[in-house]
Protein backbone atom coordinates (compact mmCIF):
# COMPACT_ATOMS: atom_id res chain seq x y z
CA UNK A 1 0.00 0.00 0.00
CA UNK A 2 1.33 3.40 -1.00
CA UNK A 3 1.06 6.04 1.76
CA UNK A 4 1.31 9.09 -0.46
CA UNK A 5 0.02 12.22 1.21
CA UNK A 6 -2.13 14.40 -1.01
CA UNK A 7 -3.50 17.77 -0.08
CA UNK A 8 -6.31 20.04 -1.21
CA UNK A 9 -7.64 23.36 -0.09
CA UNK A 10 -10.86 23.27 1.89
CA UNK A 11 -13.73 24.71 -0.19
CA UNK A 12 -15.18 26.38 2.91
CA UNK A 13 -12.22 28.07 4.58
CA UNK A 14 -9.23 27.53 2.26
CA UNK A 15 -7.30 25.54 4.87
CA UNK A 16 -5.21 22.54 3.88
CA UNK A 17 -6.92 19.13 3.89
CA UNK A 18 -4.64 16.09 3.79
CA UNK A 19 -5.44 12.67 2.36
CA UNK A 20 -2.95 10.17 3.74
CA UNK A 21 -4.02 6.99 1.96
CA UNK A 22 -4.62 6.28 -1.69
CA UNK A 23 -8.08 4.79 -1.12
CA UNK A 24 -9.29 7.56 1.17
CA UNK A 25 -12.33 9.15 -0.45
CA UNK A 26 -12.82 12.05 1.96
CA UNK A 27 -11.19 13.87 4.83
CA UNK A 28 -12.23 16.55 7.29
CA UNK A 29 -10.71 20.02 7.35
CA UNK A 30 -8.80 20.45 10.59
CA UNK A 31 -9.61 24.17 10.56
CA UNK A 32 -13.39 24.26 10.08
CA UNK A 33 -14.47 20.58 10.08
CA UNK A 34 -15.88 20.56 6.54
CA UNK A 35 -15.98 17.14 4.91
CA UNK A 36 -13.95 17.33 1.69
CA UNK A 37 -14.12 14.66 -1.00
CA UNK A 38 -10.92 13.90 -2.91
CA UNK A 39 -12.71 13.47 -6.21
CA UNK A 40 -14.84 16.57 -5.79
CA UNK A 41 -15.79 17.58 -9.33
CA UNK A 42 -17.39 20.80 -8.09
CA UNK A 43 -14.39 21.87 -6.01
CA UNK A 44 -12.93 24.30 -8.55
CA UNK A 45 -16.32 25.89 -9.19
CA UNK A 46 -16.90 26.40 -5.45
CA UNK A 47 -13.44 27.92 -5.03
CA UNK A 48 -14.09 30.29 -7.94
CA UNK A 49 -17.48 31.19 -6.45
CA UNK A 50 -15.86 31.96 -3.08
CA UNK A 51 -13.20 34.08 -4.82
CA UNK A 52 -15.96 35.93 -6.67
CA UNK A 53 -17.81 36.56 -3.39
CA UNK A 54 -14.63 37.89 -1.78
CA UNK A 55 -13.90 40.12 -4.78
CA UNK A 56 -17.48 41.41 -4.76
CA UNK A 57 -17.36 42.12 -1.03
CA UNK A 58 -14.04 43.90 -1.51
CA UNK A 59 -15.48 46.04 -4.32
CA UNK A 60 -18.52 46.90 -2.17
CA UNK A 61 -16.26 47.89 0.74
CA UNK A 62 -14.09 50.07 -1.52
CA UNK A 63 -17.17 51.77 -2.97
CA UNK A 64 -18.50 52.39 0.55
CA UNK A 65 -15.20 54.01 1.57
CA UNK A 66 -15.33 56.22 -1.53
CA UNK A 67 -18.91 57.28 -0.75
CA UNK A 68 -18.04 57.99 2.89
CA UNK A 69 -15.06 60.10 1.78
CA UNK A 70 -17.21 62.12 -0.63
CA UNK A 71 -19.82 62.63 2.11
CA UNK A 72 -17.19 63.84 4.60
CA UNK A 73 -15.64 66.15 2.02
CA UNK A 74 -19.07 67.59 1.18
CA UNK A 75 -19.82 68.16 4.87
CA UNK A 76 -16.45 69.87 5.32
CA UNK A 77 -17.10 72.19 2.37
CA UNK A 78 -20.55 73.06 3.73
CA UNK A 79 -19.06 73.96 7.14
CA UNK A 80 -16.41 76.14 5.45
CA UNK A 81 -19.08 77.94 3.39
CA UNK A 82 -21.21 78.42 6.52
CA UNK A 83 -18.23 79.81 8.46
CA UNK A 84 -17.39 82.18 5.59
CA UNK A 85 -20.97 83.49 5.45
CA UNK A 86 -21.02 84.05 9.21
CA UNK A 87 -17.66 85.86 9.00
CA UNK A 88 -18.95 88.08 6.17
CA UNK A 89 -22.04 88.95 8.22
CA UNK A 90 -19.91 89.88 11.26
CA UNK A 91 -17.60 91.97 9.11
CA UNK A 92 -20.59 93.71 7.50
CA UNK A 93 -22.02 94.56 10.94
CA UNK A 94 -18.64 95.80 12.12
CA UNK A 95 -18.14 98.03 9.09
CA UNK A 96 -21.71 99.23 8.49
CA UNK A 97 -23.11 98.77 11.74
PDB file of N, CA and C in Angstrom:
ATOM      1  N   UNK A   1       0.850  -1.187   0.000  1.00  0.00           N
ATOM      2  CA  UNK A   1       0.000   0.000   0.000  1.00  0.00           C
ATOM      3  C   UNK A   1       0.885   1.237   0.000  1.00  0.00           C
ATOM      4  N   UNK A   2       0.574   2.165  -0.861  1.00  0.00           N
ATOM      5  CA  UNK A   2       1.330   3.403  -1.001  1.00  0.00           C
ATOM      6  C   UNK A   2       0.738   4.464  -0.082  1.00  0.00           C
ATOM      7  N   UNK A   3       1.541   5.017   0.824  1.00  0.00           N
ATOM      8  CA  UNK A   3       1.060   6.039   1.759  1.00  0.00           C
ATOM      9  C   UNK A   3       1.432   7.431   1.287  1.00  0.00           C
ATOM     10  N   UNK A   4       1.056   7.763   0.083  1.00  0.00           N
ATOM     11  CA  UNK A   4       1.311   9.086  -0.459  1.00  0.00           C
ATOM     12  C   UNK A   4       0.338  10.075   0.167  1.00  0.00           C
ATOM     13  N   UNK A   5       0.873  11.190   0.628  1.00  0.00           N
ATOM     14  CA  UNK A   5       0.018  12.219   1.208  1.00  0.00           C
ATOM     15  C   UNK A   5      -0.344  13.216   0.119  1.00  0.00           C
ATOM     16  N   UNK A   6      -1.638  13.405  -0.063  1.00  0.00           N
ATOM     17  CA  UNK A   6      -2.131  14.404  -1.011  1.00  0.00           C
ATOM     18  C   UNK A   6      -2.813  15.504  -0.216  1.00  0.00           C
ATOM     19  N   UNK A   7      -2.837  16.672  -0.777  1.00  0.00           N
ATOM     20  CA  UNK A   7      -3.502  17.772  -0.082  1.00  0.00           C
ATOM     21  C   UNK A   7      -4.363  18.564  -1.044  1.00  0.00           C
ATOM     22  N   UNK A   8      -5.397  19.153  -0.476  1.00  0.00           N
ATOM     23  CA  UNK A   8      -6.306  20.036  -1.213  1.00  0.00           C
ATOM     24  C   UNK A   8      -6.618  21.212  -0.306  1.00  0.00           C
ATOM     25  N   UNK A   9      -7.150  22.246  -0.889  1.00  0.00           N
ATOM     26  CA  UNK A   9      -7.644  23.363  -0.090  1.00  0.00           C
ATOM     27  C   UNK A   9      -9.106  23.100   0.237  1.00  0.00           C
ATOM     28  N   UNK A  10      -9.473  23.423   1.453  1.00  0.00           N
ATOM     29  CA  UNK A  10     -10.858  23.270   1.885  1.00  0.00           C
ATOM     30  C   UNK A  10     -11.735  24.265   1.115  1.00  0.00           C
ATOM     31  N   UNK A  11     -12.853  23.799   0.552  1.00  0.00           N
ATOM     32  CA  UNK A  11     -13.726  24.714  -0.187  1.00  0.00           C
ATOM     33  C   UNK A  11     -14.433  25.722   0.711  1.00  0.00           C
ATOM     34  N   UNK A  12     -14.489  25.459   2.007  1.00  0.00           N
ATOM     35  CA  UNK A  12     -15.179  26.378   2.914  1.00  0.00           C
ATOM     36  C   UNK A  12     -14.274  27.471   3.448  1.00  0.00           C
ATOM     37  N   UNK A  13     -13.073  27.077   3.919  1.00  0.00           N
ATOM     38  CA  UNK A  13     -12.221  28.068   4.585  1.00  0.00           C
ATOM     39  C   UNK A  13     -10.867  28.259   3.914  1.00  0.00           C
ATOM     40  N   UNK A  14     -10.520  27.407   2.953  1.00  0.00           N
ATOM     41  CA  UNK A  14      -9.233  27.534   2.264  1.00  0.00           C
ATOM     42  C   UNK A  14      -8.080  26.865   2.989  1.00  0.00           C
ATOM     43  N   UNK A  15      -8.351  26.242   4.138  1.00  0.00           N
ATOM     44  CA  UNK A  15      -7.303  25.536   4.874  1.00  0.00           C
ATOM     45  C   UNK A  15      -6.865  24.275   4.142  1.00  0.00           C
ATOM     46  N   UNK A  16      -5.718  23.746   4.512  1.00  0.00           N
ATOM     47  CA  UNK A  16      -5.214  22.540   3.880  1.00  0.00           C
ATOM     48  C   UNK A  16      -5.934  21.309   4.421  1.00  0.00           C
ATOM     49  N   UNK A  17      -6.318  20.411   3.523  1.00  0.00           N
ATOM     50  CA  UNK A  17      -6.922  19.133   3.886  1.00  0.00           C
ATOM     51  C   UNK A  17      -6.005  18.060   3.336  1.00  0.00           C
ATOM     52  N   UNK A  18      -5.612  17.127   4.180  1.00  0.00           N
ATOM     53  CA  UNK A  18      -4.644  16.093   3.795  1.00  0.00           C
ATOM     54  C   UNK A  18      -5.321  14.741   3.669  1.00  0.00           C
ATOM     55  N   UNK A  19      -4.994  14.036   2.591  1.00  0.00           N
ATOM     56  CA  UNK A  19      -5.437  12.670   2.357  1.00  0.00           C
ATOM     57  C   UNK A  19      -4.189  11.801   2.484  1.00  0.00           C
ATOM     58  N   UNK A  20      -4.178  10.920   3.483  1.00  0.00           N
ATOM     59  CA  UNK A  20      -2.946  10.174   3.743  1.00  0.00           C
ATOM     60  C   UNK A  20      -2.934   8.765   3.182  1.00  0.00           C
ATOM     61  N   UNK A  21      -4.021   8.301   2.596  1.00  0.00           N
ATOM     62  CA  UNK A  21      -4.016   6.987   1.961  1.00  0.00           C
ATOM     63  C   UNK A  21      -4.617   7.102   0.573  1.00  0.00           C
ATOM     64  N   UNK A  22      -4.179   6.210  -0.298  1.00  0.00           N
ATOM     65  CA  UNK A  22      -4.623   6.275  -1.689  1.00  0.00           C
ATOM     66  C   UNK A  22      -6.118   6.011  -1.832  1.00  0.00           C
ATOM     67  N   UNK A  23      -6.669   5.138  -1.013  1.00  0.00           N
ATOM     68  CA  UNK A  23      -8.080   4.790  -1.121  1.00  0.00           C
ATOM     69  C   UNK A  23      -9.006   5.692  -0.338  1.00  0.00           C
ATOM     70  N   UNK A  24      -8.473   6.659   0.362  1.00  0.00           N
ATOM     71  CA  UNK A  24      -9.295   7.555   1.175  1.00  0.00           C
ATOM     72  C   UNK A  24     -10.124   8.458   0.269  1.00  0.00           C
ATOM     73  N   UNK A  25     -11.446   8.382   0.416  1.00  0.00           N
ATOM     74  CA  UNK A  25     -12.335   9.153  -0.446  1.00  0.00           C
ATOM     75  C   UNK A  25     -12.580  10.560   0.073  1.00  0.00           C
ATOM     76  N   UNK A  26     -12.558  10.733   1.384  1.00  0.00           N
ATOM     77  CA  UNK A  26     -12.818  12.047   1.955  1.00  0.00           C
ATOM     78  C   UNK A  26     -11.984  12.238   3.211  1.00  0.00           C
ATOM     79  N   UNK A  27     -11.878  13.502   3.595  1.00  0.00           N
ATOM     80  CA  UNK A  27     -11.193  13.871   4.834  1.00  0.00           C
ATOM     81  C   UNK A  27     -11.926  15.078   5.405  1.00  0.00           C
ATOM     82  N   UNK A  28     -11.625  15.394   6.644  1.00  0.00           N
ATOM     83  CA  UNK A  28     -12.234  16.546   7.287  1.00  0.00           C
ATOM     84  C   UNK A  28     -11.192  17.643   7.454  1.00  0.00           C
ATOM     85  N   UNK A  29     -11.598  18.866   7.172  1.00  0.00           N
ATOM     86  CA  UNK A  29     -10.711  20.017   7.345  1.00  0.00           C
ATOM     87  C   UNK A  29     -10.434  20.190   8.838  1.00  0.00           C
ATOM     88  N   UNK A  30      -9.158  20.292   9.174  1.00  0.00           N
ATOM     89  CA  UNK A  30      -8.805  20.450  10.588  1.00  0.00           C
ATOM     90  C   UNK A  30      -9.082  21.870  11.081  1.00  0.00           C
ATOM     91  N   UNK A  31      -9.347  22.785  10.162  1.00  0.00           N
ATOM     92  CA  UNK A  31      -9.614  24.172  10.557  1.00  0.00           C
ATOM     93  C   UNK A  31     -11.092  24.413  10.840  1.00  0.00           C
ATOM     94  N   UNK A  32     -11.962  23.950   9.925  1.00  0.00           N
ATOM     95  CA  UNK A  32     -13.390  24.257  10.081  1.00  0.00           C
ATOM     96  C   UNK A  32     -14.277  23.015  10.180  1.00  0.00           C
ATOM     97  N   UNK A  33     -13.707  21.825   9.942  1.00  0.00           N
ATOM     98  CA  UNK A  33     -14.469  20.581  10.082  1.00  0.00           C
ATOM     99  C   UNK A  33     -15.254  20.166   8.857  1.00  0.00           C
ATOM    100  N   UNK A  34     -15.150  20.897   7.754  1.00  0.00           N
ATOM    101  CA  UNK A  34     -15.883  20.555   6.536  1.00  0.00           C
ATOM    102  C   UNK A  34     -15.396  19.225   5.976  1.00  0.00           C
ATOM    103  N   UNK A  35     -16.339  18.389   5.553  1.00  0.00           N
ATOM    104  CA  UNK A  35     -15.981  17.137   4.909  1.00  0.00           C
ATOM    105  C   UNK A  35     -15.633  17.431   3.454  1.00  0.00           C
ATOM    106  N   UNK A  36     -14.428  17.050   3.042  1.00  0.00           N
ATOM    107  CA  UNK A  36     -13.948  17.329   1.694  1.00  0.00           C
ATOM    108  C   UNK A  36     -13.709  16.008   0.979  1.00  0.00           C
ATOM    109  N   UNK A  37     -14.303  15.867  -0.206  1.00  0.00           N
ATOM    110  CA  UNK A  37     -14.119  14.656  -0.998  1.00  0.00           C
ATOM    111  C   UNK A  37     -12.953  14.840  -1.956  1.00  0.00           C
ATOM    112  N   UNK A  38     -12.117  13.821  -2.055  1.00  0.00           N
ATOM    113  CA  UNK A  38     -10.923  13.896  -2.906  1.00  0.00           C
ATOM    114  C   UNK A  38     -11.306  14.095  -4.361  1.00  0.00           C
ATOM    115  N   UNK A  39     -12.300  13.397  -4.805  1.00  0.00           N
ATOM    116  CA  UNK A  39     -12.714  13.470  -6.212  1.00  0.00           C
ATOM    117  C   UNK A  39     -13.884  14.439  -6.363  1.00  0.00           C
ATOM    118  N   UNK A  40     -13.770  15.577  -5.762  1.00  0.00           N
ATOM    119  CA  UNK A  40     -14.836  16.566  -5.794  1.00  0.00           C
ATOM    120  C   UNK A  40     -14.816  17.286  -7.138  1.00  0.00           C
ATOM    121  N   UNK A  41     -15.757  16.969  -7.996  1.00  0.00           N
ATOM    122  CA  UNK A  41     -15.785  17.580  -9.332  1.00  0.00           C
ATOM    123  C   UNK A  41     -16.256  19.025  -9.292  1.00  0.00           C
ATOM    124  N   UNK A  42     -16.896  19.434  -8.200  1.00  0.00           N
ATOM    125  CA  UNK A  42     -17.387  20.801  -8.087  1.00  0.00           C
ATOM    126  C   UNK A  42     -16.439  21.697  -7.293  1.00  0.00           C
ATOM    127  N   UNK A  43     -15.317  21.138  -6.871  1.00  0.00           N
ATOM    128  CA  UNK A  43     -14.389  21.870  -6.012  1.00  0.00           C
ATOM    129  C   UNK A  43     -13.932  23.175  -6.654  1.00  0.00           C
ATOM    130  N   UNK A  44     -13.445  23.103  -7.889  1.00  0.00           N
ATOM    131  CA  UNK A  44     -12.932  24.304  -8.554  1.00  0.00           C
ATOM    132  C   UNK A  44     -14.017  25.362  -8.718  1.00  0.00           C
ATOM    133  N   UNK A  45     -15.230  24.937  -9.033  1.00  0.00           N
ATOM    134  CA  UNK A  45     -16.324  25.895  -9.192  1.00  0.00           C
ATOM    135  C   UNK A  45     -16.654  26.569  -7.868  1.00  0.00           C
ATOM    136  N   UNK A  46     -16.628  25.809  -6.755  1.00  0.00           N
ATOM    137  CA  UNK A  46     -16.905  26.405  -5.450  1.00  0.00           C
ATOM    138  C   UNK A  46     -15.805  27.376  -5.055  1.00  0.00           C
ATOM    139  N   UNK A  47     -14.551  27.016  -5.351  1.00  0.00           N
ATOM    140  CA  UNK A  47     -13.440  27.916  -5.034  1.00  0.00           C
ATOM    141  C   UNK A  47     -13.580  29.204  -5.831  1.00  0.00           C
ATOM    142  N   UNK A  48     -13.908  29.098  -7.114  1.00  0.00           N
ATOM    143  CA  UNK A  48     -14.093  30.290  -7.938  1.00  0.00           C
ATOM    144  C   UNK A  48     -15.260  31.130  -7.426  1.00  0.00           C
ATOM    145  N   UNK A  49     -16.330  30.472  -6.989  1.00  0.00           N
ATOM    146  CA  UNK A  49     -17.478  31.193  -6.447  1.00  0.00           C
ATOM    147  C   UNK A  49     -17.077  31.942  -5.184  1.00  0.00           C
ATOM    148  N   UNK A  50     -16.317  31.293  -4.310  1.00  0.00           N
ATOM    149  CA  UNK A  50     -15.862  31.956  -3.084  1.00  0.00           C
ATOM    150  C   UNK A  50     -14.954  33.143  -3.413  1.00  0.00           C
ATOM    151  N   UNK A  51     -14.065  32.969  -4.396  1.00  0.00           N
ATOM    152  CA  UNK A  51     -13.197  34.081  -4.816  1.00  0.00           C
ATOM    153  C   UNK A  51     -14.051  35.231  -5.339  1.00  0.00           C
ATOM    154  N   UNK A  52     -15.079  34.901  -6.122  1.00  0.00           N
ATOM    155  CA  UNK A  52     -15.956  35.932  -6.669  1.00  0.00           C
ATOM    156  C   UNK A  52     -16.676  36.678  -5.543  1.00  0.00           C
ATOM    157  N   UNK A  53     -17.145  35.920  -4.529  1.00  0.00           N
ATOM    158  CA  UNK A  53     -17.806  36.556  -3.385  1.00  0.00           C
ATOM    159  C   UNK A  53     -16.854  37.491  -2.672  1.00  0.00           C
ATOM    160  N   UNK A  54     -15.614  37.043  -2.465  1.00  0.00           N
ATOM    161  CA  UNK A  54     -14.632  37.887  -1.784  1.00  0.00           C
ATOM    162  C   UNK A  54     -14.336  39.142  -2.597  1.00  0.00           C
ATOM    163  N   UNK A  55     -14.167  38.966  -3.918  1.00  0.00           N
ATOM    164  CA  UNK A  55     -13.899  40.121  -4.781  1.00  0.00           C
ATOM    165  C   UNK A  55     -15.074  41.099  -4.751  1.00  0.00           C
ATOM    166  N   UNK A  56     -16.290  40.557  -4.792  1.00  0.00           N
ATOM    167  CA  UNK A  56     -17.483  41.408  -4.764  1.00  0.00           C
ATOM    168  C   UNK A  56     -17.567  42.161  -3.443  1.00  0.00           C
ATOM    169  N   UNK A  57     -17.338  41.459  -2.338  1.00  0.00           N
ATOM    170  CA  UNK A  57     -17.364  42.125  -1.029  1.00  0.00           C
ATOM    171  C   UNK A  57     -16.291  43.199  -0.932  1.00  0.00           C
ATOM    172  N   UNK A  58     -15.129  42.926  -1.516  1.00  0.00           N
ATOM    173  CA  UNK A  58     -14.040  43.905  -1.509  1.00  0.00           C
ATOM    174  C   UNK A  58     -14.451  45.138  -2.311  1.00  0.00           C
ATOM    175  N   UNK A  59     -15.040  44.921  -3.482  1.00  0.00           N
ATOM    176  CA  UNK A  59     -15.482  46.040  -4.317  1.00  0.00           C
ATOM    177  C   UNK A  59     -16.554  46.865  -3.607  1.00  0.00           C
ATOM    178  N   UNK A  60     -17.467  46.191  -2.911  1.00  0.00           N
ATOM    179  CA  UNK A  60     -18.517  46.901  -2.170  1.00  0.00           C
ATOM    180  C   UNK A  60     -17.892  47.737  -1.062  1.00  0.00           C
ATOM    181  N   UNK A  61     -16.918  47.162  -0.350  1.00  0.00           N
ATOM    182  CA  UNK A  61     -16.257  47.891   0.742  1.00  0.00           C
ATOM    183  C   UNK A  61     -15.509  49.107   0.205  1.00  0.00           C
ATOM    184  N   UNK A  62     -14.824  48.951  -0.915  1.00  0.00           N
ATOM    185  CA  UNK A  62     -14.086  50.066  -1.517  1.00  0.00           C
ATOM    186  C   UNK A  62     -15.059  51.169  -1.934  1.00  0.00           C
ATOM    187  N   UNK A  63     -16.174  50.792  -2.542  1.00  0.00           N
ATOM    188  CA  UNK A  63     -17.172  51.772  -2.968  1.00  0.00           C
ATOM    189  C   UNK A  63     -17.753  52.504  -1.755  1.00  0.00           C
ATOM    190  N   UNK A  64     -17.971  51.777  -0.662  1.00  0.00           N
ATOM    191  CA  UNK A  64     -18.504  52.394   0.555  1.00  0.00           C
ATOM    192  C   UNK A  64     -17.513  53.412   1.108  1.00  0.00           C
ATOM    193  N   UNK A  65     -16.226  53.080   1.102  1.00  0.00           N
ATOM    194  CA  UNK A  65     -15.201  54.013   1.575  1.00  0.00           C
ATOM    195  C   UNK A  65     -15.185  55.261   0.695  1.00  0.00           C
ATOM    196  N   UNK A  66     -15.297  55.072  -0.614  1.00  0.00           N
ATOM    197  CA  UNK A  66     -15.334  56.221  -1.528  1.00  0.00           C
ATOM    198  C   UNK A  66     -16.538  57.110  -1.228  1.00  0.00           C
ATOM    199  N   UNK A  67     -17.704  56.504  -1.037  1.00  0.00           N
ATOM    200  CA  UNK A  67     -18.912  57.284  -0.753  1.00  0.00           C
ATOM    201  C   UNK A  67     -18.787  58.018   0.582  1.00  0.00           C
ATOM    202  N   UNK A  68     -18.229  57.342   1.587  1.00  0.00           N
ATOM    203  CA  UNK A  68     -18.038  57.992   2.892  1.00  0.00           C
ATOM    204  C   UNK A  68     -17.081  59.172   2.779  1.00  0.00           C
ATOM    205  N   UNK A  69     -16.025  59.019   1.968  1.00  0.00           N
ATOM    206  CA  UNK A  69     -15.058  60.099   1.783  1.00  0.00           C
ATOM    207  C   UNK A  69     -15.715  61.294   1.102  1.00  0.00           C
ATOM    208  N   UNK A  70     -16.503  61.034   0.062  1.00  0.00           N
ATOM    209  CA  UNK A  70     -17.207  62.116  -0.634  1.00  0.00           C
ATOM    210  C   UNK A  70     -18.164  62.817   0.330  1.00  0.00           C
ATOM    211  N   UNK A  71     -18.879  62.049   1.147  1.00  0.00           N
ATOM    212  CA  UNK A  71     -19.819  62.635   2.105  1.00  0.00           C
ATOM    213  C   UNK A  71     -19.088  63.520   3.112  1.00  0.00           C
ATOM    214  N   UNK A  72     -17.964  63.034   3.646  1.00  0.00           N
ATOM    215  CA  UNK A  72     -17.194  63.835   4.602  1.00  0.00           C
ATOM    216  C   UNK A  72     -16.660  65.102   3.951  1.00  0.00           C
ATOM    217  N   UNK A  73     -16.157  64.975   2.726  1.00  0.00           N
ATOM    218  CA  UNK A  73     -15.637  66.155   2.016  1.00  0.00           C
ATOM    219  C   UNK A  73     -16.751  67.174   1.779  1.00  0.00           C
ATOM    220  N   UNK A  74     -17.935  66.701   1.408  1.00  0.00           N
ATOM    221  CA  UNK A  74     -19.070  67.592   1.182  1.00  0.00           C
ATOM    222  C   UNK A  74     -19.464  68.299   2.478  1.00  0.00           C
ATOM    223  N   UNK A  75     -19.499  67.548   3.575  1.00  0.00           N
ATOM    224  CA  UNK A  75     -19.823  68.156   4.865  1.00  0.00           C
ATOM    225  C   UNK A  75     -18.784  69.206   5.247  1.00  0.00           C
ATOM    226  N   UNK A  76     -17.510  68.911   5.001  1.00  0.00           N
ATOM    227  CA  UNK A  76     -16.450  69.874   5.320  1.00  0.00           C
ATOM    228  C   UNK A  76     -16.606  71.157   4.504  1.00  0.00           C
ATOM    229  N   UNK A  77     -16.920  71.017   3.225  1.00  0.00           N
ATOM    230  CA  UNK A  77     -17.101  72.190   2.369  1.00  0.00           C
ATOM    231  C   UNK A  77     -18.293  73.012   2.857  1.00  0.00           C
ATOM    232  N   UNK A  78     -19.368  72.334   3.236  1.00  0.00           N
ATOM    233  CA  UNK A  78     -20.545  73.061   3.727  1.00  0.00           C
ATOM    234  C   UNK A  78     -20.221  73.832   5.003  1.00  0.00           C
ATOM    235  N   UNK A  79     -19.461  73.259   5.921  1.00  0.00           N
ATOM    236  CA  UNK A  79     -19.055  73.964   7.142  1.00  0.00           C
ATOM    237  C   UNK A  79     -18.177  75.168   6.821  1.00  0.00           C
ATOM    238  N   UNK A  80     -17.282  75.025   5.848  1.00  0.00           N
ATOM    239  CA  UNK A  80     -16.411  76.142   5.453  1.00  0.00           C
ATOM    240  C   UNK A  80     -17.251  77.274   4.860  1.00  0.00           C
ATOM    241  N   UNK A  81     -18.200  76.931   3.998  1.00  0.00           N
ATOM    242  CA  UNK A  81     -19.080  77.941   3.394  1.00  0.00           C
ATOM    243  C   UNK A  81     -19.905  78.624   4.490  1.00  0.00           C
ATOM    244  N   UNK A  82     -20.448  77.864   5.415  1.00  0.00           N
ATOM    245  CA  UNK A  82     -21.214  78.423   6.524  1.00  0.00           C
ATOM    246  C   UNK A  82     -20.349  79.377   7.350  1.00  0.00           C
ATOM    247  N   UNK A  83     -19.128  78.962   7.670  1.00  0.00           N
ATOM    248  CA  UNK A  83     -18.229  79.810   8.462  1.00  0.00           C
ATOM    249  C   UNK A  83     -17.891  81.089   7.708  1.00  0.00           C
ATOM    250  N   UNK A  84     -17.690  80.990   6.390  1.00  0.00           N
ATOM    251  CA  UNK A  84     -17.387  82.180   5.587  1.00  0.00           C
ATOM    252  C   UNK A  84     -18.565  83.145   5.570  1.00  0.00           C
ATOM    253  N   UNK A  85     -19.776  82.635   5.446  1.00  0.00           N
ATOM    254  CA  UNK A  85     -20.968  83.490   5.449  1.00  0.00           C
ATOM    255  C   UNK A  85     -21.109  84.190   6.793  1.00  0.00           C
ATOM    256  N   UNK A  86     -20.929  83.451   7.882  1.00  0.00           N
ATOM    257  CA  UNK A  86     -21.021  84.051   9.214  1.00  0.00           C
ATOM    258  C   UNK A  86     -19.952  85.125   9.368  1.00  0.00           C
ATOM    259  N   UNK A  87     -18.740  84.867   8.897  1.00  0.00           N
ATOM    260  CA  UNK A  87     -17.663  85.859   8.996  1.00  0.00           C
ATOM    261  C   UNK A  87     -18.008  87.110   8.198  1.00  0.00           C
ATOM    262  N   UNK A  88     -18.566  86.933   7.004  1.00  0.00           N
ATOM    263  CA  UNK A  88     -18.952  88.082   6.173  1.00  0.00           C
ATOM    264  C   UNK A  88     -20.031  88.906   6.878  1.00  0.00           C
ATOM    265  N   UNK A  89     -20.985  88.228   7.495  1.00  0.00           N
ATOM    266  CA  UNK A  89     -22.041  88.952   8.223  1.00  0.00           C
ATOM    267  C   UNK A  89     -21.452  89.746   9.376  1.00  0.00           C
ATOM    268  N   UNK A  90     -20.542  89.155  10.141  1.00  0.00           N
ATOM    269  CA  UNK A  90     -19.908  89.876  11.258  1.00  0.00           C
ATOM    270  C   UNK A  90     -19.097  91.058  10.762  1.00  0.00           C
ATOM    271  N   UNK A  91     -18.395  90.871   9.663  1.00  0.00           N
ATOM    272  CA  UNK A  91     -17.599  91.973   9.109  1.00  0.00           C
ATOM    273  C   UNK A  91     -18.533  93.095   8.637  1.00  0.00           C
ATOM    274  N   UNK A  92     -19.635  92.714   7.991  1.00  0.00           N
ATOM    275  CA  UNK A  92     -20.595  93.710   7.504  1.00  0.00           C
ATOM    276  C   UNK A  92     -21.164  94.514   8.677  1.00  0.00           C
ATOM    277  N   UNK A  93     -21.521  93.851   9.761  1.00  0.00           N
ATOM    278  CA  UNK A  93     -22.019  94.558  10.942  1.00  0.00           C
ATOM    279  C   UNK A  93     -20.961  95.452  11.560  1.00  0.00           C
ATOM    280  N   UNK A  94     -19.721  94.985  11.529  1.00  0.00           N
ATOM    281  CA  UNK A  94     -18.644  95.797  12.124  1.00  0.00           C
ATOM    282  C   UNK A  94     -18.372  97.042  11.280  1.00  0.00           C
ATOM    283  N   UNK A  95     -18.442  96.908   9.972  1.00  0.00           N
ATOM    284  CA  UNK A  95     -18.136  98.032   9.087  1.00  0.00           C
ATOM    285  C   UNK A  95     -19.330  98.968   8.970  1.00  0.00           C
ATOM    286  N   UNK A  96     -20.525  98.400   8.777  1.00  0.00           N
ATOM    287  CA  UNK A  96     -21.706  99.228   8.495  1.00  0.00           C
ATOM    288  C   UNK A  96     -22.595  99.422   9.710  1.00  0.00           C
ATOM    289  N   UNK A  97     -22.275  98.782  10.725  1.00  0.00           N
ATOM    290  CA  UNK A  97     -23.109  98.768  11.738  1.00  0.00           C
ATOM    291  C   UNK A  97     -23.489  99.172  12.963  1.00  0.00           C
TER     292      UNK A  97
END
